[in-house]
Amino acid sequence: MASKQQVRASHILIKHQGSRRKASWKDPEGLVISNTTKESAISQLNAHREDIISGKAQFDDVASRVSDCSSAKRGGDLGPFGRGQMQKPFEEAAFSLKVGEISGIVETDSGVHVILRTG
């Protein structure tokens, strides 16, 4: 399935004031995003990550509800991707995870992410 050149991953993205695009499918005007600090976004994401790790929540359910990425419609699934297709911090984190492993907070120009490697 996944080779050394490709991984498959899902993610949860929370955008904040410093994000390069301050709008998303659930906040088209960017009103919430523009008022969300980076610290607040990280705090929210850490809480969701803890719920997933503890078994209180399923990754895909949380992604569908809270992710600012359009992949939320697919439970956060980004499908397979290779090197050079994602922002560098995201790529490095995704490629360093084992299948089934969840990352810590990963910061990119898009916002803050938690990544689940699925393949």
PDB file of N, CA and C in Angstrom:
ATOM      1  N   MET A   1       0.837  -1.197   0.000  1.00  0.00           N
ATOM      2  CA  MET A   1       0.000   0.000   0.000  1.00  0.00           C
ATOM      3  C   MET A   1       0.877   1.253   0.000  1.00  0.00           C
ATOM      4  N   ALA A   2       1.432   1.603   1.151  1.00  0.00           N
ATOM      5  CA  ALA A   2       2.292   2.791   1.200  1.00  0.00           C
ATOM      6  C   ALA A   2       3.739   2.360   0.979  1.00  0.00           C
ATOM      7  N   SER A   3       4.402   3.061   0.134  1.00  0.00           N
ATOM      8  CA  SER A   3       5.811   2.775  -0.097  1.00  0.00           C
ATOM      9  C   SER A   3       6.628   3.797   0.672  1.00  0.00           C
ATOM     10  N   LYS A   4       7.935   3.722   0.555  1.00  0.00           N
ATOM     11  CA  LYS A   4       8.804   4.709   1.200  1.00  0.00           C
ATOM     12  C   LYS A   4       8.547   6.102   0.636  1.00  0.00           C
ATOM     13  N   GLN A   5       8.029   6.158  -0.615  1.00  0.00           N
ATOM     14  CA  GLN A   5       7.813   7.444  -1.260  1.00  0.00           C
ATOM     15  C   GLN A   5       6.453   8.058  -0.933  1.00  0.00           C
ATOM     16  N   GLN A   6       5.523   7.250  -0.422  1.00  0.00           N
ATOM     17  CA  GLN A   6       4.185   7.758  -0.128  1.00  0.00           C
ATOM     18  C   GLN A   6       3.697   7.296   1.225  1.00  0.00           C
ATOM     19  N   VAL A   7       2.887   8.136   1.850  1.00  0.00           N
ATOM     20  CA  VAL A   7       2.176   7.767   3.062  1.00  0.00           C
ATOM     21  C   VAL A   7       0.713   8.142   2.847  1.00  0.00           C
ATOM     22  N   ARG A   8      -0.115   7.623   3.707  1.00  0.00           N
ATOM     23  CA  ARG A   8      -1.514   8.044   3.723  1.00  0.00           C
ATOM     24  C   ARG A   8      -1.788   8.541   5.130  1.00  0.00           C
ATOM     25  N   ALA A   9      -2.479   9.663   5.232  1.00  0.00           N
ATOM     26  CA  ALA A   9      -2.726  10.240   6.539  1.00  0.00           C
ATOM     27  C   ALA A   9      -4.060  10.980   6.570  1.00  0.00           C
ATOM     28  N   SER A  10      -4.547  11.138   7.787  1.00  0.00           N
ATOM     29  CA  SER A  10      -5.698  11.984   8.065  1.00  0.00           C
ATOM     30  C   SER A  10      -5.211  13.066   9.014  1.00  0.00           C
ATOM     31  N   HIS A  11      -5.924  14.173   9.053  1.00  0.00           N
ATOM     32  CA  HIS A  11      -5.510  15.221   9.982  1.00  0.00           C
ATOM     33  C   HIS A  11      -6.700  16.034  10.452  1.00  0.00           C
ATOM     34  N   ILE A  12      -6.444  16.763  11.540  1.00  0.00           N
ATOM     35  CA  ILE A  12      -7.382  17.748  12.051  1.00  0.00           C
ATOM     36  C   ILE A  12      -6.624  19.067  12.013  1.00  0.00           C
ATOM     37  N   LEU A  13      -7.192  20.055  11.353  1.00  0.00           N
ATOM     38  CA  LEU A  13      -6.584  21.377  11.230  1.00  0.00           C
ATOM     39  C   LEU A  13      -7.429  22.389  11.983  1.00  0.00           C
ATOM     40  N   ILE A  14      -6.779  23.178  12.813  1.00  0.00           N
ATOM     41  CA  ILE A  14      -7.448  24.329  13.415  1.00  0.00           C
ATOM     42  C   ILE A  14      -6.674  25.569  12.979  1.00  0.00           C
ATOM     43  N   LYS A  15      -7.380  26.442  12.286  1.00  0.00           N
ATOM     44  CA  LYS A  15      -6.775  27.681  11.812  1.00  0.00           C
ATOM     45  C   LYS A  15      -6.834  28.736  12.915  1.00  0.00           C
ATOM     46  N   HIS A  16      -5.971  29.746  12.789  1.00  0.00           N
ATOM     47  CA  HIS A  16      -5.923  30.822  13.773  1.00  0.00           C
ATOM     48  C   HIS A  16      -5.559  32.132  13.080  1.00  0.00           C
ATOM     49  N   GLN A  17      -5.429  33.200  13.863  1.00  0.00           N
ATOM     50  CA  GLN A  17      -5.147  34.535  13.318  1.00  0.00           C
ATOM     51  C   GLN A  17      -3.935  34.562  12.398  1.00  0.00           C
ATOM     52  N   GLY A  18      -2.948  33.738  12.668  1.00  0.00           N
ATOM     53  CA  GLY A  18      -1.725  33.724  11.873  1.00  0.00           C
ATOM     54  C   GLY A  18      -1.764  32.817  10.662  1.00  0.00           C
ATOM     55  N   SER A  19      -2.872  32.140  10.435  1.00  0.00           N
ATOM     56  CA  SER A  19      -2.989  31.222   9.296  1.00  0.00           C
ATOM     57  C   SER A  19      -2.986  31.998   7.986  1.00  0.00           C
ATOM     58  N   ARG A  20      -2.437  31.384   6.964  1.00  0.00           N
ATOM     59  CA  ARG A  20      -2.322  32.094   5.676  1.00  0.00           C
ATOM     60  C   ARG A  20      -3.680  32.368   5.037  1.00  0.00           C
ATOM     61  N   ARG A  21      -4.658  31.499   5.232  1.00  0.00           N
ATOM     62  CA  ARG A  21      -6.016  31.758   4.735  1.00  0.00           C
ATOM     63  C   ARG A  21      -6.953  31.726   5.933  1.00  0.00           C
ATOM     64  N   LYS A  22      -7.633  32.825   6.157  1.00  0.00           N
ATOM     65  CA  LYS A  22      -8.478  32.936   7.344  1.00  0.00           C
ATOM     66  C   LYS A  22      -9.942  32.640   7.030  1.00  0.00           C
ATOM     67  N   ALA A  23     -10.172  31.582   6.304  1.00  0.00           N
ATOM     68  CA  ALA A  23     -11.526  31.120   6.028  1.00  0.00           C
ATOM     69  C   ALA A  23     -11.477  29.605   5.871  1.00  0.00           C
ATOM     70  N   SER A  24     -12.620  28.974   6.105  1.00  0.00           N
ATOM     71  CA  SER A  24     -12.693  27.520   5.921  1.00  0.00           C
ATOM     72  C   SER A  24     -14.120  27.159   5.557  1.00  0.00           C
ATOM     73  N   TRP A  25     -14.338  25.884   5.287  1.00  0.00           N
ATOM     74  CA  TRP A  25     -15.673  25.421   4.902  1.00  0.00           C
ATOM     75  C   TRP A  25     -16.688  25.724   6.003  1.00  0.00           C
ATOM     76  N   LYS A  26     -16.267  25.702   7.278  1.00  0.00           N
ATOM     77  CA  LYS A  26     -17.224  25.945   8.355  1.00  0.00           C
ATOM     78  C   LYS A  26     -17.205  27.387   8.845  1.00  0.00           C
ATOM     79  N   ASP A  27     -16.256  28.169   8.357  1.00  0.00           N
ATOM     80  CA  ASP A  27     -16.144  29.583   8.741  1.00  0.00           C
ATOM     81  C   ASP A  27     -15.789  30.390   7.489  1.00  0.00           C
ATOM     82  N   PRO A  28     -16.716  30.433   6.507  1.00  0.00           N
ATOM     83  CA  PRO A  28     -16.400  31.044   5.211  1.00  0.00           C
ATOM     84  C   PRO A  28     -16.008  32.514   5.290  1.00  0.00           C
ATOM     85  N   GLU A  29     -16.518  33.229   6.280  1.00  0.00           N
ATOM     86  CA  GLU A  29     -16.175  34.639   6.441  1.00  0.00           C
ATOM     87  C   GLU A  29     -14.904  34.822   7.272  1.00  0.00           C
ATOM     88  N   GLY A  30     -14.451  33.754   7.911  1.00  0.00           N
ATOM     89  CA  GLY A  30     -13.246  33.829   8.722  1.00  0.00           C
ATOM     90  C   GLY A  30     -13.431  34.564  10.042  1.00  0.00           C
ATOM     91  N   LEU A  31     -14.661  34.688  10.499  1.00  0.00           N
ATOM     92  CA  LEU A  31     -14.938  35.434  11.732  1.00  0.00           C
ATOM     93  C   LEU A  31     -14.354  34.742  12.961  1.00  0.00           C
ATOM     94  N   VAL A  32     -14.565  33.436  13.068  1.00  0.00           N
ATOM     95  CA  VAL A  32     -14.034  32.687  14.209  1.00  0.00           C
ATOM     96  C   VAL A  32     -12.513  32.591  14.104  1.00  0.00           C
ATOM     97  N   ILE A  33     -12.023  32.269  12.929  1.00  0.00           N
ATOM     98  CA  ILE A  33     -10.577  32.109  12.714  1.00  0.00           C
ATOM     99  C   ILE A  33      -9.831  33.396  13.049  1.00  0.00           C
ATOM    100  N   SER A  34     -10.355  34.524  12.611  1.00  0.00           N
ATOM    101  CA  SER A  34      -9.697  35.811  12.855  1.00  0.00           C
ATOM    102  C   SER A  34      -9.621  36.164  14.340  1.00  0.00           C
ATOM    103  N   ASN A  35     -10.491  35.548  15.141  1.00  0.00           N
ATOM    104  CA  ASN A  35     -10.505  35.810  16.584  1.00  0.00           C
ATOM    105  C   ASN A  35      -9.873  34.682  17.398  1.00  0.00           C
ATOM    106  N   THR A  36      -9.300  33.702  16.732  1.00  0.00           N
ATOM    107  CA  THR A  36      -8.674  32.576  17.418  1.00  0.00           C
ATOM    108  C   THR A  36      -7.167  32.792  17.472  1.00  0.00           C
ATOM    109  N   THR A  37      -6.623  32.834  18.678  1.00  0.00           N
ATOM    110  CA  THR A  37      -5.174  32.962  18.807  1.00  0.00           C
ATOM    111  C   THR A  37      -4.524  31.610  18.523  1.00  0.00           C
ATOM    112  N   LYS A  38      -3.262  31.649  18.199  1.00  0.00           N
ATOM    113  CA  LYS A  38      -2.518  30.406  17.974  1.00  0.00           C
ATOM    114  C   LYS A  38      -2.540  29.551  19.245  1.00  0.00           C
ATOM    115  N   GLU A  39      -2.369  30.188  20.397  1.00  0.00           N
ATOM    116  CA  GLU A  39      -2.373  29.473  21.677  1.00  0.00           C
ATOM    117  C   GLU A  39      -3.714  28.781  21.918  1.00  0.00           C
ATOM    118  N   SER A  40      -4.801  29.470  21.583  1.00  0.00           N
ATOM    119  CA  SER A  40      -6.134  28.901  21.743  1.00  0.00           C
ATOM    120  C   SER A  40      -6.333  27.719  20.798  1.00  0.00           C
ATOM    121  N   ALA A  41      -5.866  27.854  19.559  1.00  0.00           N
ATOM    122  CA  ALA A  41      -5.976  26.765  18.582  1.00  0.00           C
ATOM    123  C   ALA A  41      -5.216  25.534  19.071  1.00  0.00           C
ATOM    124  N   ILE A  42      -4.008  25.750  19.600  1.00  0.00           N
ATOM    125  CA  ILE A  42      -3.202  24.633  20.121  1.00  0.00           C
ATOM    126  C   ILE A  42      -3.902  23.982  21.308  1.00  0.00           C
ATOM    127  N   SER A  43      -4.451  24.789  22.190  1.00  0.00           N
ATOM    128  CA  SER A  43      -5.158  24.274  23.360  1.00  0.00           C
ATOM    129  C   SER A  43      -6.363  23.421  22.952  1.00  0.00           C
ATOM    130  N   GLN A  44      -7.150  23.934  22.001  1.00  0.00           N
ATOM    131  CA  GLN A  44      -8.312  23.175  21.504  1.00  0.00           C
ATOM    132  C   GLN A  44      -7.871  21.846  20.902  1.00  0.00           C
ATOM    133  N   LEU A  45      -6.834  21.905  20.083  1.00  0.00           N
ATOM    134  CA  LEU A  45      -6.360  20.711  19.395  1.00  0.00           C
ATOM    135  C   LEU A  45      -5.798  19.688  20.382  1.00  0.00           C
ATOM    136  N   ASN A  46      -5.072  20.151  21.395  1.00  0.00           N
ATOM    137  CA  ASN A  46      -4.561  19.240  22.424  1.00  0.00           C
ATOM    138  C   ASN A  46      -5.694  18.534  23.153  1.00  0.00           C
ATOM    139  N   ALA A  47      -6.778  19.254  23.439  1.00  0.00           N
ATOM    140  CA  ALA A  47      -7.930  18.651  24.120  1.00  0.00           C
ATOM    141  C   ALA A  47      -8.551  17.567  23.238  1.00  0.00           C
ATOM    142  N   HIS A  48      -8.715  17.854  21.951  1.00  0.00           N
ATOM    143  CA  HIS A  48      -9.273  16.850  21.030  1.00  0.00           C
ATOM    144  C   HIS A  48      -8.342  15.639  20.918  1.00  0.00           C
ATOM    145  N   ARG A  49      -7.033  15.891  20.856  1.00  0.00           N
ATOM    146  CA  ARG A  49      -6.053  14.813  20.752  1.00  0.00           C
ATOM    147  C   ARG A  49      -6.142  13.895  21.976  1.00  0.00           C
ATOM    148  N   GLU A  50      -6.259  14.491  23.155  1.00  0.00           N
ATOM    149  CA  GLU A  50      -6.377  13.709  24.394  1.00  0.00           C
ATOM    150  C   GLU A  50      -7.637  12.848  24.378  1.00  0.00           C
ATOM    151  N   ASP A  51      -8.752  13.405  23.896  1.00  0.00           N
ATOM    152  CA  ASP A  51     -10.002  12.637  23.807  1.00  0.00           C
ATOM    153  C   ASP A  51      -9.838  11.438  22.875  1.00  0.00           C
ATOM    154  N   ILE A  52      -9.117  11.631  21.783  1.00  0.00           N
ATOM    155  CA  ILE A  52      -8.894  10.544  20.817  1.00  0.00           C
ATOM    156  C   ILE A  52      -7.991   9.476  21.430  1.00  0.00           C
ATOM    157  N   ILE A  53      -6.888   9.903  22.013  1.00  0.00           N
ATOM    158  CA  ILE A  53      -5.931   8.947  22.594  1.00  0.00           C
ATOM    159  C   ILE A  53      -6.553   8.161  23.744  1.00  0.00           C
ATOM    160  N   SER A  54      -7.393   8.822  24.546  1.00  0.00           N
ATOM    161  CA  SER A  54      -8.017   8.162  25.699  1.00  0.00           C
ATOM    162  C   SER A  54      -9.188   7.269  25.297  1.00  0.00           C
ATOM    163  N   GLY A  55      -9.608   7.369  24.034  1.00  0.00           N
ATOM    164  CA  GLY A  55     -10.719   6.544  23.565  1.00  0.00           C
ATOM    165  C   GLY A  55     -12.086   7.193  23.738  1.00  0.00           C
ATOM    166  N   LYS A  56     -12.126   8.427  24.226  1.00  0.00           N
ATOM    167  CA  LYS A  56     -13.404   9.127  24.395  1.00  0.00           C
ATOM    168  C   LYS A  56     -13.995   9.552  23.060  1.00  0.00           C
ATOM    169  N   ALA A  57     -13.142   9.667  22.036  1.00  0.00           N
ATOM    170  CA  ALA A  57     -13.604  10.124  20.721  1.00  0.00           C
ATOM    171  C   ALA A  57     -12.838   9.387  19.622  1.00  0.00           C
ATOM    172  N   GLN A  58     -13.467   9.302  18.453  1.00  0.00           N
ATOM    173  CA  GLN A  58     -12.835   8.703  17.272  1.00  0.00           C
ATOM    174  C   GLN A  58     -12.236   9.818  16.430  1.00  0.00           C
ATOM    175  N   PHE A  59     -11.044   9.572  15.882  1.00  0.00           N
ATOM    176  CA  PHE A  59     -10.342  10.584  15.094  1.00  0.00           C
ATOM    177  C   PHE A  59     -11.232  11.143  13.987  1.00  0.00           C
ATOM    178  N   ASP A  60     -11.858  10.252  13.196  1.00  0.00           N
ATOM    179  CA  ASP A  60     -12.643  10.721  12.051  1.00  0.00           C
ATOM    180  C   ASP A  60     -13.866  11.532  12.473  1.00  0.00           C
ATOM    181  N   ASP A  61     -14.462  11.188  13.618  1.00  0.00           N
ATOM    182  CA  ASP A  61     -15.609  11.964  14.113  1.00  0.00           C
ATOM    183  C   ASP A  61     -15.185  13.376  14.508  1.00  0.00           C
ATOM    184  N   VAL A  62     -14.057  13.475  15.212  1.00  0.00           N
ATOM    185  CA  VAL A  62     -13.561  14.788  15.627  1.00  0.00           C
ATOM    186  C   VAL A  62     -13.185  15.616  14.401  1.00  0.00           C
ATOM    187  N   ALA A  63     -12.479  14.991  13.466  1.00  0.00           N
ATOM    188  CA  ALA A  63     -12.085  15.704  12.240  1.00  0.00           C
ATOM    189  C   ALA A  63     -13.325  16.228  11.502  1.00  0.00           C
ATOM    190  N   SER A  64     -14.353  15.410  11.396  1.00  0.00           N
ATOM    191  CA  SER A  64     -15.573  15.812  10.684  1.00  0.00           C
ATOM    192  C   SER A  64     -16.239  17.019  11.333  1.00  0.00           C
ATOM    193  N   ARG A  65     -16.144  17.104  12.657  1.00  0.00           N
ATOM    194  CA  ARG A  65     -16.792  18.183  13.399  1.00  0.00           C
ATOM    195  C   ARG A  65     -15.964  19.458  13.489  1.00  0.00           C
ATOM    196  N   VAL A  66     -14.648  19.329  13.735  1.00  0.00           N
ATOM    197  CA  VAL A  66     -13.878  20.528  14.101  1.00  0.00           C
ATOM    198  C   VAL A  66     -12.809  20.960  13.108  1.00  0.00           C
ATOM    199  N   SER A  67     -12.398  20.098  12.186  1.00  0.00           N
ATOM    200  CA  SER A  67     -11.304  20.470  11.294  1.00  0.00           C
ATOM    201  C   SER A  67     -11.698  21.598  10.344  1.00  0.00           C
ATOM    202  N   ASP A  68     -10.778  22.545  10.161  1.00  0.00           N
ATOM    203  CA  ASP A  68     -10.991  23.641   9.224  1.00  0.00           C
ATOM    204  C   ASP A  68     -10.613  23.258   7.797  1.00  0.00           C
ATOM    205  N   CYS A  69     -10.136  22.050   7.584  1.00  0.00           N
ATOM    206  CA  CYS A  69      -9.774  21.581   6.245  1.00  0.00           C
ATOM    207  C   CYS A  69     -10.995  20.949   5.584  1.00  0.00           C
ATOM    208  N   SER A  70     -11.102  21.095   4.269  1.00  0.00           N
ATOM    209  CA  SER A  70     -12.218  20.474   3.550  1.00  0.00           C
ATOM    210  C   SER A  70     -12.167  18.945   3.638  1.00  0.00           C
ATOM    211  N   SER A  71     -11.014  18.379   4.041  1.00  0.00           N
ATOM    212  CA  SER A  71     -10.924  16.923   4.241  1.00  0.00           C
ATOM    213  C   SER A  71     -11.816  16.468   5.396  1.00  0.00           C
ATOM    214  N   ALA A  72     -12.358  17.404   6.167  1.00  0.00           N
ATOM    215  CA  ALA A  72     -13.279  17.057   7.256  1.00  0.00           C
ATOM    216  C   ALA A  72     -14.445  16.224   6.729  1.00  0.00           C
ATOM    217  N   LYS A  73     -14.853  16.488   5.497  1.00  0.00           N
ATOM    218  CA  LYS A  73     -15.965  15.744   4.890  1.00  0.00           C
ATOM    219  C   LYS A  73     -15.623  14.267   4.732  1.00  0.00           C
ATOM    220  N   ARG A  74     -14.321  13.939   4.769  1.00  0.00           N
ATOM    221  CA  ARG A  74     -13.858  12.554   4.651  1.00  0.00           C
ATOM    222  C   ARG A  74     -13.246  12.079   5.977  1.00  0.00           C
ATOM    223  N   GLY A  75     -13.653  12.687   7.078  1.00  0.00           N
ATOM    224  CA  GLY A  75     -13.104  12.312   8.375  1.00  0.00           C
ATOM    225  C   GLY A  75     -11.633  12.695   8.517  1.00  0.00           C
ATOM    226  N   GLY A  76     -11.216  13.677   7.740  1.00  0.00           N
ATOM    227  CA  GLY A  76      -9.829  14.152   7.796  1.00  0.00           C
ATOM    228  C   GLY A  76      -8.889  13.456   6.829  1.00  0.00           C
ATOM    229  N   ASP A  77      -9.396  12.475   6.087  1.00  0.00           N
ATOM    230  CA  ASP A  77      -8.535  11.685   5.188  1.00  0.00           C
ATOM    231  C   ASP A  77      -7.995  12.529   4.045  1.00  0.00           C
ATOM    232  N   LEU A  78      -6.669  12.562   3.933  1.00  0.00           N
ATOM    233  CA  LEU A  78      -6.000  13.287   2.847  1.00  0.00           C
ATOM    234  C   LEU A  78      -5.632  12.375   1.688  1.00  0.00           C
ATOM    235  N   GLY A  79      -5.805  11.065   1.876  1.00  0.00           N
ATOM    236  CA  GLY A  79      -5.395  10.116   0.848  1.00  0.00           C
ATOM    237  C   GLY A  79      -3.879   9.987   0.840  1.00  0.00           C
ATOM    238  N   PRO A  80      -3.338   9.225  -0.113  1.00  0.00           N
ATOM    239  CA  PRO A  80      -1.891   9.052  -0.186  1.00  0.00           C
ATOM    240  C   PRO A  80      -1.207  10.293  -0.770  1.00  0.00           C
ATOM    241  N   PHE A  81      -0.023  10.581  -0.271  1.00  0.00           N
ATOM    242  CA  PHE A  81       0.765  11.687  -0.812  1.00  0.00           C
ATOM    243  C   PHE A  81       2.244  11.380  -0.650  1.00  0.00           C
ATOM    244  N   GLY A  82       3.019  11.999  -1.504  1.00  0.00           N
ATOM    245  CA  GLY A  82       4.461  11.803  -1.486  1.00  0.00           C
ATOM    246  C   GLY A  82       5.187  13.025  -0.969  1.00  0.00           C
ATOM    247  N   ARG A  83       6.492  12.917  -0.954  1.00  0.00           N
ATOM    248  CA  ARG A  83       7.316  14.045  -0.509  1.00  0.00           C
ATOM    249  C   ARG A  83       7.158  15.205  -1.489  1.00  0.00           C
ATOM    250  N   GLY A  84       7.162  16.412  -0.949  1.00  0.00           N
ATOM    251  CA  GLY A  84       7.041  17.599  -1.777  1.00  0.00           C
ATOM    252  C   GLY A  84       5.613  18.030  -2.055  1.00  0.00           C
ATOM    253  N   GLN A  85       4.619  17.295  -1.559  1.00  0.00           N
ATOM    254  CA  GLN A  85       3.224  17.639  -1.829  1.00  0.00           C
ATOM    255  C   GLN A  85       2.570  18.423  -0.695  1.00  0.00           C
ATOM    256  N   MET A  86       3.137  18.338   0.488  1.00  0.00           N
ATOM    257  CA  MET A  86       2.598  19.027   1.657  1.00  0.00           C
ATOM    258  C   MET A  86       3.641  20.021   2.169  1.00  0.00           C
ATOM    259  N   GLN A  87       3.207  20.917   3.060  1.00  0.00           N
ATOM    260  CA  GLN A  87       4.165  21.827   3.678  1.00  0.00           C
ATOM    261  C   GLN A  87       5.177  20.997   4.469  1.00  0.00           C
ATOM    262  N   LYS A  88       6.413  21.447   4.486  1.00  0.00           N
ATOM    263  CA  LYS A  88       7.522  20.671   5.029  1.00  0.00           C
ATOM    264  C   LYS A  88       7.276  20.132   6.447  1.00  0.00           C
ATOM    265  N   PRO A  89       6.841  20.955   7.424  1.00  0.00           N
ATOM    266  CA  PRO A  89       6.637  20.408   8.772  1.00  0.00           C
ATOM    267  C   PRO A  89       5.591  19.289   8.795  1.00  0.00           C
ATOM    268  N   PHE A  90       4.546  19.442   7.971  1.00  0.00           N
ATOM    269  CA  PHE A  90       3.494  18.435   7.892  1.00  0.00           C
ATOM    270  C   PHE A  90       4.053  17.145   7.299  1.00  0.00           C
ATOM    271  N   GLU A  91       4.766  17.295   6.197  1.00  0.00           N
ATOM    272  CA  GLU A  91       5.374  16.140   5.524  1.00  0.00           C
ATOM    273  C   GLU A  91       6.314  15.388   6.460  1.00  0.00           C
ATOM    274  N   GLU A  92       7.195  16.116   7.126  1.00  0.00           N
ATOM    275  CA  GLU A  92       8.158  15.471   8.026  1.00  0.00           C
ATOM    276  C   GLU A  92       7.447  14.702   9.135  1.00  0.00           C
ATOM    277  N   ALA A  93       6.410  15.304   9.701  1.00  0.00           N
ATOM    278  CA  ALA A  93       5.666  14.633  10.768  1.00  0.00           C
ATOM    279  C   ALA A  93       4.968  13.381  10.246  1.00  0.00           C
ATOM    280  N   ALA A  94       4.283  13.500   9.107  1.00  0.00           N
ATOM    281  CA  ALA A  94       3.539  12.364   8.554  1.00  0.00           C
ATOM    282  C   ALA A  94       4.467  11.200   8.221  1.00  0.00           C
ATOM    283  N   PHE A  95       5.610  11.490   7.610  1.00  0.00           N
ATOM    284  CA  PHE A  95       6.545  10.436   7.223  1.00  0.00           C
ATOM    285  C   PHE A  95       7.243   9.817   8.432  1.00  0.00           C
ATOM    286  N   SER A  96       7.302  10.536   9.553  1.00  0.00           N
ATOM    287  CA  SER A  96       7.993  10.003  10.729  1.00  0.00           C
ATOM    288  C   SER A  96       7.096   9.115  11.580  1.00  0.00           C
ATOM    289  N   LEU A  97       5.775   9.185  11.364  1.00  0.00           N
ATOM    290  CA  LEU A  97       4.841   8.380  12.149  1.00  0.00           C
ATOM    291  C   LEU A  97       4.789   6.947  11.641  1.00  0.00           C
ATOM    292  N   LYS A  98       4.478   6.030  12.547  1.00  0.00           N
ATOM    293  CA  LYS A  98       4.169   4.652  12.161  1.00  0.00           C
ATOM    294  C   LYS A  98       2.670   4.597  11.862  1.00  0.00           C
ATOM    295  N   VAL A  99       2.236   3.634  11.068  1.00  0.00           N
ATOM    296  CA  VAL A  99       0.822   3.481  10.762  1.00  0.00           C
ATOM    297  C   VAL A  99       0.049   3.309  12.069  1.00  0.00           C
ATOM    298  N   GLY A 100      -1.001   4.093  12.225  1.00  0.00           N
ATOM    299  CA  GLY A 100      -1.824   4.050  13.430  1.00  0.00           C
ATOM    300  C   GLY A 100      -1.388   5.028  14.511  1.00  0.00           C
ATOM    301  N   GLU A 101      -0.257   5.689  14.310  1.00  0.00           N
ATOM    302  CA  GLU A 101       0.279   6.617  15.299  1.00  0.00           C
ATOM    303  C   GLU A 101      -0.264   8.029  15.061  1.00  0.00           C
ATOM    304  N   ILE A 102      -0.470   8.756  16.165  1.00  0.00           N
ATOM    305  CA  ILE A 102      -0.973  10.127  16.102  1.00  0.00           C
ATOM    306  C   ILE A 102       0.154  11.072  16.506  1.00  0.00           C
ATOM    307  N   SER A 103       0.312  12.133  15.735  1.00  0.00           N
ATOM    308  CA  SER A 103       1.366  13.121  16.004  1.00  0.00           C
ATOM    309  C   SER A 103       0.994  14.007  17.186  1.00  0.00           C
ATOM    310  N   GLY A 104       1.971  14.761  17.634  1.00  0.00           N
ATOM    311  CA  GLY A 104       1.713  15.875  18.525  1.00  0.00           C
ATOM    312  C   GLY A 104       1.226  17.027  17.665  1.00  0.00           C
ATOM    313  N   ILE A 105       1.272  18.225  18.201  1.00  0.00           N
ATOM    314  CA  ILE A 105       0.869  19.414  17.446  1.00  0.00           C
ATOM    315  C   ILE A 105       1.921  19.716  16.381  1.00  0.00           C
ATOM    316  N   VAL A 106       1.459  19.902  15.148  1.00  0.00           N
ATOM    317  CA  VAL A 106       2.333  20.249  14.027  1.00  0.00           C
ATOM    318  C   VAL A 106       1.883  21.610  13.505  1.00  0.00           C
ATOM    319  N   GLU A 107       2.805  22.568  13.478  1.00  0.00           N
ATOM    320  CA  GLU A 107       2.485  23.915  13.015  1.00  0.00           C
ATOM    321  C   GLU A 107       2.929  24.104  11.571  1.00  0.00           C
ATOM    322  N   THR A 108       2.017  24.657  10.750  1.00  0.00           N
ATOM    323  CA  THR A 108       2.339  25.026   9.368  1.00  0.00           C
ATOM    324  C   THR A 108       1.756  26.413   9.107  1.00  0.00           C
ATOM    325  N   ASP A 109       1.970  26.919   7.908  1.00  0.00           N
ATOM    326  CA  ASP A 109       1.378  28.202   7.527  1.00  0.00           C
ATOM    327  C   ASP A 109      -0.150  28.138   7.497  1.00  0.00           C
ATOM    328  N   SER A 110      -0.710  26.941   7.405  1.00  0.00           N
ATOM    329  CA  SER A 110      -2.161  26.782   7.358  1.00  0.00           C
ATOM    330  C   SER A 110      -2.805  26.870   8.735  1.00  0.00           C
ATOM    331  N   GLY A 111      -2.058  26.500   9.772  1.00  0.00           N
ATOM    332  CA  GLY A 111      -2.594  26.469  11.124  1.00  0.00           C
ATOM    333  C   GLY A 111      -1.891  25.385  11.921  1.00  0.00           C
ATOM    334  N   VAL A 112      -2.624  24.812  12.879  1.00  0.00           N
ATOM    335  CA  VAL A 112      -2.053  23.732  13.681  1.00  0.00           C
ATOM    336  C   VAL A 112      -2.819  22.443  13.385  1.00  0.00           C
ATOM    337  N   HIS A 113      -2.064  21.353  13.354  1.00  0.00           N
ATOM    338  CA  HIS A 113      -2.612  20.052  12.946  1.00  0.00           C
ATOM    339  C   HIS A 113      -2.279  18.984  13.975  1.00  0.00           C
ATOM    340  N   VAL A 114      -3.104  17.940  13.986  1.00  0.00           N
ATOM    341  CA  VAL A 114      -2.773  16.643  14.552  1.00  0.00           C
ATOM    342  C   VAL A 114      -2.939  15.677  13.389  1.00  0.00           C
ATOM    343  N   ILE A 115      -1.942  14.810  13.220  1.00  0.00           N
ATOM    344  CA  ILE A 115      -1.922  13.911  12.071  1.00  0.00           C
ATOM    345  C   ILE A 115      -2.025  12.459  12.539  1.00  0.00           C
ATOM    346  N   LEU A 116      -2.834  11.680  11.853  1.00  0.00           N
ATOM    347  CA  LEU A 116      -2.944  10.242  12.071  1.00  0.00           C
ATOM    348  C   LEU A 116      -2.459   9.568  10.804  1.00  0.00           C
ATOM    349  N   ARG A 117      -1.380   8.793  10.924  1.00  0.00           N
ATOM    350  CA  ARG A 117      -0.905   8.059   9.753  1.00  0.00           C
ATOM    351  C   ARG A 117      -1.752   6.810   9.580  1.00  0.00           C
ATOM    352  N   THR A 118      -2.301   6.644   8.403  1.00  0.00           N
ATOM    353  CA  THR A 118      -3.214   5.525   8.135  1.00  0.00           C
ATOM    354  C   THR A 118      -2.656   4.525   7.135  1.00  0.00           C
ATOM    355  N   GLY A 119      -1.555   4.873   6.497  1.00  0.00           N
ATOM    356  CA  GLY A 119      -0.972   3.936   5.538  1.00  0.00           C
ATOM    357  C   GLY A 119       0.388   4.385   5.093  1.00  0.00           C
TER     358      GLY A 119
END
